[in-house]
Amino acid sequence: MGKRENVTEEQRRARIVSIISVAVFAALAVFLTLTVGRQMITLVGDGQAFREWIAEKGLWGKVIYIGMVFLQIVISIIPGEPIELGGGYAFGAWQGLLLAETGILLASTCVFLFVKRFGSKAVYAFVPREKIEDISFLRDAEKRNVLVFIIFFIPGTPKDVITYFIGLTPMTLKEWLIISTVARIPSVLTSTLAGAAAAQQDYRQAALIFGITAIVSVIGIFVYRRIRRSSAAKTE
């Protein structure tokens, strides 16, 4: 009897620690969004100033940029497009892509492990429940990996929401990292290419890339909605 009470007490303490940990993490995320997040968007909004600021930091400038991408993924309400554009402006298309992908890899790992450790309470602290329910069709084990790859490949889809959701599924960390980094390459590259073109004052090319990306994004959103409806209908 005493052993059962000890186990119950341990479980209760573990639950309290989990709740406190998630609450602290969520509070920190809100604080960073209101402070650092705003400053990040303001900074990358002026491409030339951002490039000069990064150049002054030397090697640390690359580390800082990776940290900015990391923060944008973890705090999903911070828009990623301006930061990716800033990376292309400051570092060029290919180096900007490499640095952004590094930040994505690190953030995807941390979010995955965080959700695996704390479960759904960690997800709902950052993502509204209705958004998670909206992508519940991804619980289908047979099609999950392919569907997630397609969704991450298409611009304009809710990648940040899925980043938190995946930790609730049986997908392995290895599978998740391959999908989340490789499938993002086209959308990130278009942003860094546009940023690099703007840095070279080739505004025609930058506008062309923006236009193509916008068209693909609209098509991508339409395709995503079709996939979601089709998958949801099959699971009913």
Protein backbone atom coordinates (compact mmCIF):
# COMPACT_ATOMS: atom_id res chain seq x y z
CA MET A 1 0.00 0.00 0.00
CA GLY A 2 2.81 2.36 0.94
CA LYS A 3 4.55 1.67 -2.36
CA ARG A 4 1.42 2.60 -4.29
CA GLU A 5 1.15 5.89 -2.39
CA ASN A 6 4.80 6.66 -3.16
CA VAL A 7 4.24 6.06 -6.86
CA THR A 8 1.17 8.29 -6.82
CA GLU A 9 3.10 11.02 -5.05
CA GLU A 10 5.91 10.78 -7.60
CA GLN A 11 3.44 11.00 -10.42
CA ARG A 12 1.80 14.02 -8.82
CA ARG A 13 5.14 15.78 -8.44
CA ALA A 14 6.13 14.93 -12.00
CA ARG A 15 2.83 16.39 -13.23
CA ILE A 16 3.38 19.59 -11.26
CA VAL A 17 6.93 19.92 -12.58
CA SER A 18 5.65 19.39 -16.13
CA ILE A 19 2.96 22.05 -15.76
CA ILE A 20 5.39 24.55 -14.25
CA SER A 21 7.99 23.82 -16.94
CA VAL A 22 5.51 24.34 -19.76
CA ALA A 23 4.14 27.51 -18.13
CA VAL A 24 7.63 28.97 -17.70
CA PHE A 25 8.54 28.09 -21.29
CA ALA A 26 5.32 29.64 -22.59
CA ALA A 27 5.84 32.81 -20.53
CA LEU A 28 9.39 33.07 -21.82
CA ALA A 29 8.14 32.64 -25.38
CA VAL A 30 5.62 35.47 -24.94
CA PHE A 31 8.29 37.72 -23.43
CA LEU A 32 10.73 37.01 -26.26
CA THR A 33 8.03 37.59 -28.86
CA LEU A 34 7.13 41.00 -27.44
CA THR A 35 10.76 42.07 -27.07
CA VAL A 36 13.29 40.21 -29.19
CA GLY A 37 10.73 39.14 -31.79
CA ARG A 38 9.67 42.68 -32.60
CA GLN A 39 13.27 43.84 -32.73
CA MET A 40 14.16 40.98 -35.08
CA ILE A 41 11.44 41.89 -37.57
CA THR A 42 12.31 45.58 -37.39
CA LEU A 43 15.99 44.84 -37.90
CA VAL A 44 15.61 42.52 -40.89
CA GLY A 45 13.08 44.94 -42.38
CA ASP A 46 15.99 47.20 -43.34
CA GLY A 47 18.12 44.85 -45.41
CA GLN A 48 21.14 47.12 -45.74
CA ALA A 49 21.24 47.97 -42.04
CA PHE A 50 20.82 44.30 -41.17
CA ARG A 51 23.67 43.27 -43.45
CA GLU A 52 25.98 45.91 -41.97
CA TRP A 53 25.01 44.94 -38.43
CA ILE A 54 25.67 41.26 -39.16
CA ALA A 55 29.00 42.07 -40.83
CA GLU A 56 30.15 43.93 -37.72
CA LYS A 57 29.62 40.78 -35.65
CA GLY A 58 31.95 38.65 -37.79
CA LEU A 59 31.51 34.93 -37.15
CA TRP A 60 29.08 35.70 -34.34
CA GLY A 61 26.81 37.29 -36.92
CA LYS A 62 26.15 33.85 -38.41
CA VAL A 63 25.53 32.40 -34.95
CA ILE A 64 23.10 35.22 -34.19
CA TYR A 65 21.24 34.63 -37.43
CA ILE A 66 20.92 30.90 -36.71
CA GLY A 67 19.54 31.89 -33.30
CA MET A 68 16.99 34.17 -34.96
CA VAL A 69 15.75 31.34 -37.19
CA PHE A 70 15.68 29.02 -34.18
CA LEU A 71 13.58 31.50 -32.20
CA GLN A 72 11.18 32.02 -35.10
CA ILE A 73 10.48 28.28 -35.34
CA VAL A 74 10.09 27.77 -31.59
CA ILE A 75 7.87 30.83 -31.19
CA SER A 76 5.58 30.07 -34.08
CA ILE A 77 3.78 33.43 -34.16
CA ILE A 78 6.92 35.22 -35.35
CA PRO A 79 6.79 35.29 -39.19
CA GLY A 80 9.62 33.43 -40.87
CA GLU A 81 9.60 35.06 -44.31
CA PRO A 82 11.25 38.38 -43.29
CA ILE A 83 14.02 36.54 -41.44
CA GLU A 84 14.73 34.27 -44.42
CA LEU A 85 14.77 37.30 -46.74
CA GLY A 86 17.17 39.01 -44.34
CA GLY A 87 19.43 35.96 -44.45
CA GLY A 88 19.61 36.13 -48.24
CA TYR A 89 20.30 39.86 -48.10
CA ALA A 90 23.07 39.54 -45.49
CA PHE A 91 24.75 36.29 -46.54
CA GLY A 92 23.69 35.59 -50.11
CA ALA A 93 21.27 32.96 -51.34
CA TRP A 94 23.21 29.77 -50.64
CA GLN A 95 24.94 30.69 -47.39
CA GLY A 96 21.67 32.17 -46.17
CA LEU A 97 19.95 28.90 -47.03
CA LEU A 98 22.57 26.85 -45.16
CA LEU A 99 22.36 29.03 -42.04
CA ALA A 100 18.56 29.05 -42.08
CA GLU A 101 18.44 25.28 -42.49
CA THR A 102 20.81 24.92 -39.53
CA GLY A 103 18.47 26.98 -37.37
CA ILE A 104 15.49 24.96 -38.62
CA LEU A 105 17.26 21.68 -37.80
CA LEU A 106 18.10 22.79 -34.26
CA ALA A 107 14.63 24.20 -33.58
CA SER A 108 12.86 21.16 -35.03
CA THR A 109 14.90 18.92 -32.76
CA CYS A 110 14.17 20.96 -29.64
CA VAL A 111 10.43 21.28 -30.29
CA PHE A 112 10.14 17.56 -31.06
CA LEU A 113 11.93 16.53 -27.87
CA PHE A 114 10.03 19.13 -25.82
CA VAL A 115 6.66 17.79 -26.98
CA LYS A 116 7.77 14.18 -26.49
CA ARG A 117 8.72 15.04 -22.92
CA PHE A 118 5.66 17.09 -21.90
CA GLY A 119 2.97 15.84 -24.28
CA SER A 120 -0.16 17.65 -25.43
CA LYS A 121 -0.01 20.24 -22.66
CA ALA A 122 3.18 21.57 -24.25
CA VAL A 123 1.49 21.79 -27.65
CA TYR A 124 -1.63 23.58 -26.45
CA ALA A 125 0.50 26.15 -24.63
CA PHE A 126 1.74 27.37 -28.02
CA VAL A 127 -0.86 26.28 -30.56
CA PRO A 128 -4.67 26.64 -30.26
CA ARG A 129 -6.46 23.32 -29.89
CA GLU A 130 -8.62 23.92 -32.97
CA LYS A 131 -5.51 24.26 -35.16
CA ILE A 132 -4.22 20.93 -33.87
CA GLU A 133 -7.59 19.30 -34.51
CA ASP A 134 -7.50 20.79 -38.01
CA ILE A 135 -4.44 18.69 -38.87
CA SER A 136 -5.46 15.57 -36.95
CA PHE A 137 -5.62 13.70 -40.26
CA LEU A 138 -1.81 13.46 -40.00
CA ARG A 139 -2.24 10.78 -37.35
CA ASP A 140 -2.68 8.27 -40.17
CA ALA A 141 0.53 6.24 -39.80
CA GLU A 142 0.48 4.87 -43.35
CA LYS A 143 0.48 8.26 -45.07
CA ARG A 144 1.88 10.57 -42.38
CA ASN A 145 5.46 10.88 -43.62
CA VAL A 146 4.48 11.47 -47.23
CA LEU A 147 1.77 13.98 -46.31
CA VAL A 148 4.06 15.91 -43.97
CA PHE A 149 6.78 16.06 -46.64
CA ILE A 150 4.31 17.38 -49.23
CA ILE A 151 2.91 19.95 -46.82
CA PHE A 152 6.39 21.18 -45.85
CA PHE A 153 7.41 21.29 -49.51
CA ILE A 154 4.48 23.56 -50.40
CA PRO A 155 4.83 27.28 -49.51
CA GLY A 156 2.06 28.83 -47.43
CA THR A 157 1.12 25.76 -45.38
CA PRO A 158 0.96 25.71 -41.52
CA LYS A 159 4.48 24.33 -40.95
CA ASP A 160 4.92 25.79 -37.47
CA VAL A 161 1.70 24.17 -36.23
CA ILE A 162 2.78 20.81 -37.63
CA THR A 163 6.20 21.23 -36.01
CA TYR A 164 4.51 21.09 -32.60
CA PHE A 165 1.98 18.44 -33.62
CA ILE A 166 4.52 15.87 -34.87
CA GLY A 167 5.84 15.22 -31.36
CA LEU A 168 2.42 13.75 -30.51
CA THR A 169 2.75 11.10 -33.23
CA PRO A 170 4.93 7.96 -33.37
CA MET A 171 7.19 9.54 -36.01
CA THR A 172 10.85 9.09 -35.06
CA LEU A 173 13.23 12.00 -34.57
CA LYS A 174 15.35 10.86 -37.54
CA GLU A 175 12.34 10.77 -39.86
CA TRP A 176 11.15 14.13 -38.62
CA LEU A 177 14.50 15.88 -39.09
CA ILE A 178 14.93 14.58 -42.62
CA ILE A 179 11.44 15.68 -43.59
CA SER A 180 11.45 19.04 -41.81
CA THR A 181 14.81 20.16 -43.22
CA VAL A 182 14.83 18.69 -46.73
CA ALA A 183 11.21 19.55 -47.60
CA ARG A 184 11.67 23.18 -46.47
CA ILE A 185 14.59 23.83 -48.84
CA PRO A 186 12.57 25.13 -51.84
CA SER A 187 10.53 27.65 -49.82
CA VAL A 188 13.56 28.88 -47.86
CA LEU A 189 15.70 29.11 -51.02
CA THR A 190 13.16 31.27 -52.82
CA SER A 191 13.29 33.70 -49.88
CA THR A 192 17.09 33.81 -49.72
CA LEU A 193 17.29 34.17 -53.51
CA ALA A 194 14.91 37.13 -53.36
CA GLY A 195 16.89 38.67 -50.50
CA ALA A 196 20.17 38.21 -52.37
CA ALA A 197 18.68 39.79 -55.51
CA ALA A 198 17.48 42.78 -53.49
CA ALA A 199 20.96 43.15 -51.97
CA GLN A 200 22.40 43.37 -55.49
CA GLN A 201 19.67 45.89 -56.37
CA ASP A 202 18.30 43.49 -58.94
CA TYR A 203 14.76 44.42 -58.05
CA ARG A 204 13.30 42.91 -61.21
CA GLN A 205 14.59 39.46 -60.27
CA ALA A 206 13.49 39.95 -56.67
CA ALA A 207 9.99 40.94 -57.82
CA LEU A 208 9.87 37.96 -60.18
CA ILE A 209 10.80 35.56 -57.37
CA PHE A 210 8.21 37.17 -55.07
CA GLY A 211 5.56 36.87 -57.78
CA ILE A 212 6.29 33.23 -58.53
CA THR A 213 6.40 32.42 -54.80
CA ALA A 214 3.06 34.16 -54.25
CA ILE A 215 1.44 32.19 -57.07
CA VAL A 216 2.91 28.90 -55.84
CA SER A 217 1.78 29.74 -52.29
CA VAL A 218 -1.82 30.29 -53.42
CA ILE A 219 -1.75 27.02 -55.34
CA GLY A 220 -0.06 25.34 -52.37
CA ILE A 221 -2.75 26.49 -49.94
CA PHE A 222 -5.42 25.16 -52.32
CA VAL A 223 -3.61 21.80 -52.62
CA TYR A 224 -3.16 21.63 -48.83
CA ARG A 225 -6.85 22.18 -48.25
CA ARG A 226 -7.69 19.48 -50.76
CA ILE A 227 -5.29 17.07 -49.05
CA ARG A 228 -6.76 17.92 -45.63
CA ARG A 229 -10.35 17.43 -46.75
CA SER A 230 -9.56 14.22 -48.62
CA SER A 231 -7.57 12.75 -45.74
CA ALA A 232 -10.13 13.80 -43.14
CA ALA A 233 -12.96 12.26 -45.18
CA LYS A 234 -11.16 8.92 -45.41
CA THR A 235 -10.64 8.78 -41.65
CA GLU A 236 -14.33 9.33 -40.88
